[in-house]
Amino acid sequence: MQVKRFKQYEMIEVSWIDIVERSGWRTVKEAAEEDCIGIVSVGYFIANRKGTLNIASCVSRDNDCNVTSIPWGVIKQVRRLTYKEEPVDGEC
């Protein structure tokens, strides 16, 4: 996958494949039919590090944040998100 360049705090959407672990007994046939799961994460771009893409779902005004580090090997697509701010008419 070609790595795109993003600005820090830019909103992005990351499509990636995650592992699945299920506890409990099942037949070998049932176990053989298990698949990984597709995930879509949305967050603020924090860093593109060697081997991982780091995003945050929350960033404080003091620049503290949580972090989700996704290995590049499981990422299928990364895209920039844009939005159009609409005026609010007083109702939510």
PDB file of N, CA and C in Angstrom:
ATOM      1  N   MET A   1       0.836  -1.177   0.000  1.00  0.00           N
ATOM      2  CA  MET A   1       0.000   0.000   0.000  1.00  0.00           C
ATOM      3  C   MET A   1       0.883   1.243   0.000  1.00  0.00           C
ATOM      4  N   GLN A   2       0.541   2.210  -0.834  1.00  0.00           N
ATOM      5  CA  GLN A   2       1.273   3.469  -0.869  1.00  0.00           C
ATOM      6  C   GLN A   2       0.827   4.303   0.332  1.00  0.00           C
ATOM      7  N   VAL A   3       1.788   4.800   1.090  1.00  0.00           N
ATOM      8  CA  VAL A   3       1.491   5.577   2.291  1.00  0.00           C
ATOM      9  C   VAL A   3       1.232   7.019   1.895  1.00  0.00           C
ATOM     10  N   LYS A   4       0.056   7.532   2.273  1.00  0.00           N
ATOM     11  CA  LYS A   4      -0.272   8.930   2.007  1.00  0.00           C
ATOM     12  C   LYS A   4       0.289   9.793   3.124  1.00  0.00           C
ATOM     13  N   ARG A   5       0.466  11.049   2.814  1.00  0.00           N
ATOM     14  CA  ARG A   5       0.936  11.996   3.819  1.00  0.00           C
ATOM     15  C   ARG A   5      -0.273  12.731   4.391  1.00  0.00           C
ATOM     16  N   PHE A   6      -0.311  12.821   5.700  1.00  0.00           N
ATOM     17  CA  PHE A   6      -1.391  13.526   6.383  1.00  0.00           C
ATOM     18  C   PHE A   6      -0.791  14.551   7.336  1.00  0.00           C
ATOM     19  N   LYS A   7      -1.559  15.601   7.600  1.00  0.00           N
ATOM     20  CA  LYS A   7      -1.147  16.597   8.581  1.00  0.00           C
ATOM     21  C   LYS A   7      -1.572  16.110   9.963  1.00  0.00           C
ATOM     22  N   GLN A   8      -0.804  16.473  10.976  1.00  0.00           N
ATOM     23  CA  GLN A   8      -1.176  16.080  12.330  1.00  0.00           C
ATOM     24  C   GLN A   8      -2.556  16.642  12.662  1.00  0.00           C
ATOM     25  N   TYR A   9      -3.374  15.815  13.283  1.00  0.00           N
ATOM     26  CA  TYR A   9      -4.753  16.088  13.697  1.00  0.00           C
ATOM     27  C   TYR A   9      -5.752  16.066  12.530  1.00  0.00           C
ATOM     28  N   GLU A  10      -5.298  15.748  11.330  1.00  0.00           N
ATOM     29  CA  GLU A  10      -6.230  15.609  10.214  1.00  0.00           C
ATOM     30  C   GLU A  10      -7.104  14.378  10.458  1.00  0.00           C
ATOM     31  N   MET A  11      -8.391  14.472  10.155  1.00  0.00           N
ATOM     32  CA  MET A  11      -9.305  13.345  10.360  1.00  0.00           C
ATOM     33  C   MET A  11      -9.129  12.333   9.232  1.00  0.00           C
ATOM     34  N   ILE A  12      -8.950  11.057   9.626  1.00  0.00           N
ATOM     35  CA  ILE A  12      -8.784   9.986   8.646  1.00  0.00           C
ATOM     36  C   ILE A  12      -9.648   8.786   9.022  1.00  0.00           C
ATOM     37  N   GLU A  13      -9.879   7.958   8.034  1.00  0.00           N
ATOM     38  CA  GLU A  13     -10.601   6.696   8.219  1.00  0.00           C
ATOM     39  C   GLU A  13      -9.649   5.576   7.809  1.00  0.00           C
ATOM     40  N   VAL A  14      -9.504   4.582   8.686  1.00  0.00           N
ATOM     41  CA  VAL A  14      -8.587   3.475   8.433  1.00  0.00           C
ATOM     42  C   VAL A  14      -9.396   2.177   8.368  1.00  0.00           C
ATOM     43  N   SER A  15      -9.326   1.480   7.243  1.00  0.00           N
ATOM     44  CA  SER A  15      -9.954   0.163   7.094  1.00  0.00           C
ATOM     45  C   SER A  15      -8.855  -0.871   7.291  1.00  0.00           C
ATOM     46  N   TRP A  16      -9.094  -1.814   8.220  1.00  0.00           N
ATOM     47  CA  TRP A  16      -8.054  -2.779   8.541  1.00  0.00           C
ATOM     48  C   TRP A  16      -8.662  -4.095   8.985  1.00  0.00           C
ATOM     49  N   ILE A  17      -7.827  -5.127   9.025  1.00  0.00           N
ATOM     50  CA  ILE A  17      -8.258  -6.482   9.390  1.00  0.00           C
ATOM     51  C   ILE A  17      -7.740  -6.793  10.786  1.00  0.00           C
ATOM     52  N   ASP A  18      -8.636  -7.256  11.653  1.00  0.00           N
ATOM     53  CA  ASP A  18      -8.267  -7.596  13.026  1.00  0.00           C
ATOM     54  C   ASP A  18      -8.402  -9.094  13.251  1.00  0.00           C
ATOM     55  N   ILE A  19      -7.694  -9.585  14.245  1.00  0.00           N
ATOM     56  CA  ILE A  19      -7.801 -11.000  14.594  1.00  0.00           C
ATOM     57  C   ILE A  19      -9.126 -11.255  15.307  1.00  0.00           C
ATOM     58  N   VAL A  20      -9.540 -12.496  15.311  1.00  0.00           N
ATOM     59  CA  VAL A  20     -10.729 -12.906  16.044  1.00  0.00           C
ATOM     60  C   VAL A  20     -10.323 -14.078  16.930  1.00  0.00           C
ATOM     61  N   GLU A  21     -10.708 -14.007  18.184  1.00  0.00           N
ATOM     62  CA  GLU A  21     -10.467 -15.111  19.104  1.00  0.00           C
ATOM     63  C   GLU A  21     -11.797 -15.421  19.763  1.00  0.00           C
ATOM     64  N   ARG A  22     -12.209 -16.657  19.674  1.00  0.00           N
ATOM     65  CA  ARG A  22     -13.477 -17.065  20.274  1.00  0.00           C
ATOM     66  C   ARG A  22     -13.198 -18.172  21.288  1.00  0.00           C
ATOM     67  N   SER A  23     -13.721 -17.986  22.475  1.00  0.00           N
ATOM     68  CA  SER A  23     -13.557 -19.027  23.482  1.00  0.00           C
ATOM     69  C   SER A  23     -14.716 -20.010  23.367  1.00  0.00           C
ATOM     70  N   GLY A  24     -14.588 -21.122  24.004  1.00  0.00           N
ATOM     71  CA  GLY A  24     -15.640 -22.138  23.959  1.00  0.00           C
ATOM     72  C   GLY A  24     -15.292 -23.239  22.971  1.00  0.00           C
ATOM     73  N   TRP A  25     -15.938 -24.357  23.165  1.00  0.00           N
ATOM     74  CA  TRP A  25     -15.677 -25.519  22.321  1.00  0.00           C
ATOM     75  C   TRP A  25     -16.484 -25.447  21.041  1.00  0.00           C
ATOM     76  N   ARG A  26     -15.876 -25.919  19.967  1.00  0.00           N
ATOM     77  CA  ARG A  26     -16.538 -26.018  18.669  1.00  0.00           C
ATOM     78  C   ARG A  26     -15.875 -27.133  17.885  1.00  0.00           C
ATOM     79  N   THR A  27     -16.528 -27.567  16.869  1.00  0.00           N
ATOM     80  CA  THR A  27     -15.942 -28.630  16.060  1.00  0.00           C
ATOM     81  C   THR A  27     -14.790 -28.063  15.242  1.00  0.00           C
ATOM     82  N   VAL A  28     -13.922 -28.921  14.767  1.00  0.00           N
ATOM     83  CA  VAL A  28     -12.812 -28.494  13.915  1.00  0.00           C
ATOM     84  C   VAL A  28     -13.362 -27.855  12.647  1.00  0.00           C
ATOM     85  N   LYS A  29     -14.458 -28.404  12.112  1.00  0.00           N
ATOM     86  CA  LYS A  29     -15.076 -27.835  10.908  1.00  0.00           C
ATOM     87  C   LYS A  29     -15.546 -26.406  11.172  1.00  0.00           C
ATOM     88  N   GLU A  30     -16.191 -26.172  12.314  1.00  0.00           N
ATOM     89  CA  GLU A  30     -16.643 -24.821  12.655  1.00  0.00           C
ATOM     90  C   GLU A  30     -15.442 -23.888  12.826  1.00  0.00           C
ATOM     91  N   ALA A  31     -14.400 -24.381  13.485  1.00  0.00           N
ATOM     92  CA  ALA A  31     -13.200 -23.569  13.701  1.00  0.00           C
ATOM     93  C   ALA A  31     -12.526 -23.206  12.379  1.00  0.00           C
ATOM     94  N   ALA A  32     -12.546 -24.140  11.426  1.00  0.00           N
ATOM     95  CA  ALA A  32     -11.915 -23.906  10.128  1.00  0.00           C
ATOM     96  C   ALA A  32     -12.640 -22.817   9.337  1.00  0.00           C
ATOM     97  N   GLU A  33     -13.901 -22.559   9.668  1.00  0.00           N
ATOM     98  CA  GLU A  33     -14.689 -21.557   8.942  1.00  0.00           C
ATOM     99  C   GLU A  33     -14.594 -20.158   9.536  1.00  0.00           C
ATOM    100  N   GLU A  34     -13.845 -20.012  10.635  1.00  0.00           N
ATOM    101  CA  GLU A  34     -13.679 -18.690  11.253  1.00  0.00           C
ATOM    102  C   GLU A  34     -12.842 -17.791  10.348  1.00  0.00           C
ATOM    103  N   ASP A  35     -13.175 -16.511  10.318  1.00  0.00           N
ATOM    104  CA  ASP A  35     -12.437 -15.523   9.548  1.00  0.00           C
ATOM    105  C   ASP A  35     -12.033 -14.366  10.438  1.00  0.00           C
ATOM    106  N   CYS A  36     -11.087 -13.593   9.959  1.00  0.00           N
ATOM    107  CA  CYS A  36     -10.759 -12.343  10.625  1.00  0.00           C
ATOM    108  C   CYS A  36     -11.905 -11.369  10.382  1.00  0.00           C
ATOM    109  N   ILE A  37     -11.873 -10.250  11.053  1.00  0.00           N
ATOM    110  CA  ILE A  37     -12.973  -9.294  10.955  1.00  0.00           C
ATOM    111  C   ILE A  37     -12.462  -7.968  10.401  1.00  0.00           C
ATOM    112  N   GLY A  38     -13.251  -7.364   9.534  1.00  0.00           N
ATOM    113  CA  GLY A  38     -12.918  -6.055   8.983  1.00  0.00           C
ATOM    114  C   GLY A  38     -13.327  -4.960   9.955  1.00  0.00           C
ATOM    115  N   ILE A  39     -12.438  -4.023  10.194  1.00  0.00           N
ATOM    116  CA  ILE A  39     -12.668  -2.922  11.129  1.00  0.00           C
ATOM    117  C   ILE A  39     -12.504  -1.604  10.388  1.00  0.00           C
ATOM    118  N   VAL A  40     -13.288  -0.605  10.783  1.00  0.00           N
ATOM    119  CA  VAL A  40     -13.107   0.756  10.291  1.00  0.00           C
ATOM    120  C   VAL A  40     -12.932   1.648  11.517  1.00  0.00           C
ATOM    121  N   SER A  41     -11.783   2.312  11.600  1.00  0.00           N
ATOM    122  CA  SER A  41     -11.498   3.235  12.696  1.00  0.00           C
ATOM    123  C   SER A  41     -11.407   4.646  12.134  1.00  0.00           C
ATOM    124  N   VAL A  42     -11.970   5.596  12.862  1.00  0.00           N
ATOM    125  CA  VAL A  42     -11.926   7.005  12.477  1.00  0.00           C
ATOM    126  C   VAL A  42     -11.249   7.765  13.599  1.00  0.00           C
ATOM    127  N   GLY A  43     -10.324   8.645  13.237  1.00  0.00           N
ATOM    128  CA  GLY A  43      -9.651   9.417  14.281  1.00  0.00           C
ATOM    129  C   GLY A  43      -8.759  10.492  13.706  1.00  0.00           C
ATOM    130  N   TYR A  44      -8.082  11.165  14.620  1.00  0.00           N
ATOM    131  CA  TYR A  44      -7.123  12.204  14.254  1.00  0.00           C
ATOM    132  C   TYR A  44      -5.776  11.551  13.952  1.00  0.00           C
ATOM    133  N   PHE A  45      -5.189  11.895  12.822  1.00  0.00           N
ATOM    134  CA  PHE A  45      -3.860  11.394  12.487  1.00  0.00           C
ATOM    135  C   PHE A  45      -2.863  11.953  13.499  1.00  0.00           C
ATOM    136  N   ILE A  46      -2.083  11.051  14.102  1.00  0.00           N
ATOM    137  CA  ILE A  46      -1.055  11.452  15.062  1.00  0.00           C
ATOM    138  C   ILE A  46       0.337  11.241  14.481  1.00  0.00           C
ATOM    139  N   ALA A  47       0.610  10.042  13.957  1.00  0.00           N
ATOM    140  CA  ALA A  47       1.956   9.781  13.433  1.00  0.00           C
ATOM    141  C   ALA A  47       1.938   8.569  12.513  1.00  0.00           C
ATOM    142  N   ASN A  48       2.844   8.597  11.554  1.00  0.00           N
ATOM    143  CA  ASN A  48       3.116   7.454  10.691  1.00  0.00           C
ATOM    144  C   ASN A  48       4.497   6.960  11.101  1.00  0.00           C
ATOM    145  N   ARG A  49       4.507   5.945  11.949  1.00  0.00           N
ATOM    146  CA  ARG A  49       5.768   5.429  12.458  1.00  0.00           C
ATOM    147  C   ARG A  49       6.171   4.189  11.678  1.00  0.00           C
ATOM    148  N   LYS A  50       7.416   3.806  11.809  1.00  0.00           N
ATOM    149  CA  LYS A  50       7.882   2.599  11.135  1.00  0.00           C
ATOM    150  C   LYS A  50       7.047   1.418  11.618  1.00  0.00           C
ATOM    151  N   GLY A  51       6.239   0.877  10.738  1.00  0.00           N
ATOM    152  CA  GLY A  51       5.443  -0.299  11.073  1.00  0.00           C
ATOM    153  C   GLY A  51       4.045  -0.028  11.572  1.00  0.00           C
ATOM    154  N   THR A  52       3.751   1.198  12.019  1.00  0.00           N
ATOM    155  CA  THR A  52       2.408   1.474  12.549  1.00  0.00           C
ATOM    156  C   THR A  52       1.888   2.836  12.125  1.00  0.00           C
ATOM    157  N   LEU A  53       0.565   2.932  12.108  1.00  0.00           N
ATOM    158  CA  LEU A  53      -0.139   4.196  11.906  1.00  0.00           C
ATOM    159  C   LEU A  53      -0.809   4.512  13.233  1.00  0.00           C
ATOM    160  N   ASN A  54      -0.557   5.687  13.797  1.00  0.00           N
ATOM    161  CA  ASN A  54      -1.121   6.059  15.086  1.00  0.00           C
ATOM    162  C   ASN A  54      -2.218   7.103  14.894  1.00  0.00           C
ATOM    163  N   ILE A  55      -3.402   6.808  15.449  1.00  0.00           N
ATOM    164  CA  ILE A  55      -4.515   7.743  15.409  1.00  0.00           C
ATOM    165  C   ILE A  55      -5.063   7.916  16.823  1.00  0.00           C
ATOM    166  N   ALA A  56      -5.779   9.016  17.043  1.00  0.00           N
ATOM    167  CA  ALA A  56      -6.409   9.294  18.333  1.00  0.00           C
ATOM    168  C   ALA A  56      -7.872   9.615  18.109  1.00  0.00           C
ATOM    169  N   SER A  57      -8.731   9.134  19.003  1.00  0.00           N
ATOM    170  CA  SER A  57     -10.146   9.482  18.901  1.00  0.00           C
ATOM    171  C   SER A  57     -10.448  10.750  19.687  1.00  0.00           C
ATOM    172  N   CYS A  58      -9.581  11.100  20.631  1.00  0.00           N
ATOM    173  CA  CYS A  58      -9.760  12.301  21.450  1.00  0.00           C
ATOM    174  C   CYS A  58      -8.413  12.984  21.628  1.00  0.00           C
ATOM    175  N   VAL A  59      -8.431  14.322  21.549  1.00  0.00           N
ATOM    176  CA  VAL A  59      -7.230  15.112  21.797  1.00  0.00           C
ATOM    177  C   VAL A  59      -7.631  16.266  22.709  1.00  0.00           C
ATOM    178  N   SER A  60      -6.892  16.465  23.818  1.00  0.00           N
ATOM    179  CA  SER A  60      -7.218  17.550  24.743  1.00  0.00           C
ATOM    180  C   SER A  60      -6.647  18.867  24.223  1.00  0.00           C
ATOM    181  N   ARG A  61      -7.085  19.947  24.824  1.00  0.00           N
ATOM    182  CA  ARG A  61      -6.561  21.269  24.447  1.00  0.00           C
ATOM    183  C   ARG A  61      -5.085  21.411  24.834  1.00  0.00           C
ATOM    184  N   ASP A  62      -4.604  20.534  25.722  1.00  0.00           N
ATOM    185  CA  ASP A  62      -3.190  20.528  26.118  1.00  0.00           C
ATOM    186  C   ASP A  62      -2.358  19.578  25.256  1.00  0.00           C
ATOM    187  N   ASN A  63      -2.955  19.046  24.185  1.00  0.00           N
ATOM    188  CA  ASN A  63      -2.307  18.110  23.263  1.00  0.00           C
ATOM    189  C   ASN A  63      -1.998  16.757  23.884  1.00  0.00           C
ATOM    190  N   ASP A  64      -2.803  16.327  24.843  1.00  0.00           N
ATOM    191  CA  ASP A  64      -2.766  14.956  25.333  1.00  0.00           C
ATOM    192  C   ASP A  64      -3.798  14.180  24.537  1.00  0.00           C
ATOM    193  N   CYS A  65      -3.556  12.880  24.346  1.00  0.00           N
ATOM    194  CA  CYS A  65      -4.513  12.108  23.559  1.00  0.00           C
ATOM    195  C   CYS A  65      -4.451  10.633  23.921  1.00  0.00           C
ATOM    196  N   ASN A  66      -5.500   9.919  23.553  1.00  0.00           N
ATOM    197  CA  ASN A  66      -5.434   8.462  23.587  1.00  0.00           C
ATOM    198  C   ASN A  66      -4.785   8.036  22.269  1.00  0.00           C
ATOM    199  N   VAL A  67      -4.449   6.780  22.112  1.00  0.00           N
ATOM    200  CA  VAL A  67      -3.810   6.372  20.861  1.00  0.00           C
ATOM    201  C   VAL A  67      -4.250   4.961  20.478  1.00  0.00           C
ATOM    202  N   THR A  68      -4.473   4.786  19.195  1.00  0.00           N
ATOM    203  CA  THR A  68      -4.656   3.466  18.602  1.00  0.00           C
ATOM    204  C   THR A  68      -3.529   3.301  17.593  1.00  0.00           C
ATOM    205  N   SER A  69      -2.697   2.287  17.798  1.00  0.00           N
ATOM    206  CA  SER A  69      -1.580   2.001  16.888  1.00  0.00           C
ATOM    207  C   SER A  69      -1.960   0.787  16.053  1.00  0.00           C
ATOM    208  N   ILE A  70      -2.063   0.986  14.748  1.00  0.00           N
ATOM    209  CA  ILE A  70      -2.493  -0.083  13.841  1.00  0.00           C
ATOM    210  C   ILE A  70      -1.298  -0.492  12.984  1.00  0.00           C
ATOM    211  N   PRO A  71      -0.914  -1.772  12.994  1.00  0.00           N
ATOM    212  CA  PRO A  71       0.214  -2.215  12.158  1.00  0.00           C
ATOM    213  C   PRO A  71      -0.108  -2.042  10.668  1.00  0.00           C
ATOM    214  N   TRP A  72       0.845  -1.519   9.921  1.00  0.00           N
ATOM    215  CA  TRP A  72       0.628  -1.308   8.484  1.00  0.00           C
ATOM    216  C   TRP A  72       0.310  -2.611   7.750  1.00  0.00           C
ATOM    217  N   GLY A  73       0.779  -3.730   8.245  1.00  0.00           N
ATOM    218  CA  GLY A  73       0.550  -5.004   7.575  1.00  0.00           C
ATOM    219  C   GLY A  73      -0.910  -5.425   7.520  1.00  0.00           C
ATOM    220  N   VAL A  74      -1.763  -4.851   8.385  1.00  0.00           N
ATOM    221  CA  VAL A  74      -3.181  -5.227   8.398  1.00  0.00           C
ATOM    222  C   VAL A  74      -4.082  -4.142   7.811  1.00  0.00           C
ATOM    223  N   ILE A  75      -3.493  -3.007   7.441  1.00  0.00           N
ATOM    224  CA  ILE A  75      -4.269  -1.891   6.895  1.00  0.00           C
ATOM    225  C   ILE A  75      -4.565  -2.127   5.422  1.00  0.00           C
ATOM    226  N   LYS A  76      -5.835  -1.978   5.063  1.00  0.00           N
ATOM    227  CA  LYS A  76      -6.268  -2.145   3.672  1.00  0.00           C
ATOM    228  C   LYS A  76      -6.425  -0.809   2.955  1.00  0.00           C
ATOM    229  N   GLN A  77      -6.882   0.227   3.692  1.00  0.00           N
ATOM    230  CA  GLN A  77      -7.107   1.531   3.063  1.00  0.00           C
ATOM    231  C   GLN A  77      -7.066   2.618   4.132  1.00  0.00           C
ATOM    232  N   VAL A  78      -6.511   3.769   3.762  1.00  0.00           N
ATOM    233  CA  VAL A  78      -6.550   4.956   4.617  1.00  0.00           C
ATOM    234  C   VAL A  78      -7.038   6.094   3.744  1.00  0.00           C
ATOM    235  N   ARG A  79      -8.036   6.811   4.245  1.00  0.00           N
ATOM    236  CA  ARG A  79      -8.513   7.949   3.452  1.00  0.00           C
ATOM    237  C   ARG A  79      -8.771   9.155   4.336  1.00  0.00           C
ATOM    238  N   ARG A  80      -8.548  10.293   3.735  1.00  0.00           N
ATOM    239  CA  ARG A  80      -8.750  11.582   4.386  1.00  0.00           C
ATOM    240  C   ARG A  80     -10.258  11.847   4.465  1.00  0.00           C
ATOM    241  N   LEU A  81     -10.717  12.337   5.604  1.00  0.00           N
ATOM    242  CA  LEU A  81     -12.131  12.680   5.748  1.00  0.00           C
ATOM    243  C   LEU A  81     -12.296  14.183   5.640  1.00  0.00           C
ATOM    244  N   THR A  82     -13.345  14.585   4.977  1.00  0.00           N
ATOM    245  CA  THR A  82     -13.687  16.002   4.885  1.00  0.00           C
ATOM    246  C   THR A  82     -15.127  16.161   5.354  1.00  0.00           C
ATOM    247  N   TYR A  83     -15.457  17.333   5.794  1.00  0.00           N
ATOM    248  CA  TYR A  83     -16.823  17.587   6.223  1.00  0.00           C
ATOM    249  C   TYR A  83     -17.197  19.013   5.883  1.00  0.00           C
ATOM    250  N   LYS A  84     -18.496  19.207   5.766  1.00  0.00           N
ATOM    251  CA  LYS A  84     -19.026  20.535   5.522  1.00  0.00           C
ATOM    252  C   LYS A  84     -19.822  20.911   6.747  1.00  0.00           C
ATOM    253  N   GLU A  85     -19.433  22.004   7.373  1.00  0.00           N
ATOM    254  CA  GLU A  85     -20.121  22.438   8.576  1.00  0.00           C
ATOM    255  C   GLU A  85     -21.438  23.082   8.174  1.00  0.00           C
ATOM    256  N   GLU A  86     -22.528  22.603   8.764  1.00  0.00           N
ATOM    257  CA  GLU A  86     -23.867  23.129   8.480  1.00  0.00           C
ATOM    258  C   GLU A  86     -24.296  24.023   9.623  1.00  0.00           C
ATOM    259  N   PRO A  87     -25.001  25.103   9.326  1.00  0.00           N
ATOM    260  CA  PRO A  87     -25.493  25.948  10.417  1.00  0.00           C
ATOM    261  C   PRO A  87     -26.511  25.179  11.264  1.00  0.00           C
ATOM    262  N   VAL A  88     -26.479  25.407  12.544  1.00  0.00           N
ATOM    263  CA  VAL A  88     -27.411  24.762  13.454  1.00  0.00           C
ATOM    264  C   VAL A  88     -28.575  25.715  13.711  1.00  0.00           C
ATOM    265  N   ASP A  89     -29.789  25.182  13.615  1.00  0.00           N
ATOM    266  CA  ASP A  89     -30.973  26.042  13.786  1.00  0.00           C
ATOM    267  C   ASP A  89     -31.493  26.056  15.221  1.00  0.00           C
ATOM    268  N   GLY A  90     -30.658  25.633  16.163  1.00  0.00           N
ATOM    269  CA  GLY A  90     -31.066  25.646  17.558  1.00  0.00           C
ATOM    270  C   GLY A  90     -31.589  24.323  18.068  1.00  0.00           C
ATOM    271  N   GLU A  91     -31.818  23.361  17.183  1.00  0.00           N
ATOM    272  CA  GLU A  91     -32.288  22.040  17.603  1.00  0.00           C
ATOM    273  C   GLU A  91     -31.219  20.995  17.315  1.00  0.00           C
ATOM    274  N   CYS A  92     -31.123  20.038  18.220  1.00  0.00           N
ATOM    275  CA  CYS A  92     -30.151  18.969  18.029  1.00  0.00           C
ATOM    276  C   CYS A  92     -30.845  17.739  17.479  1.00  0.00           C
TER     277      CYS A  92
END
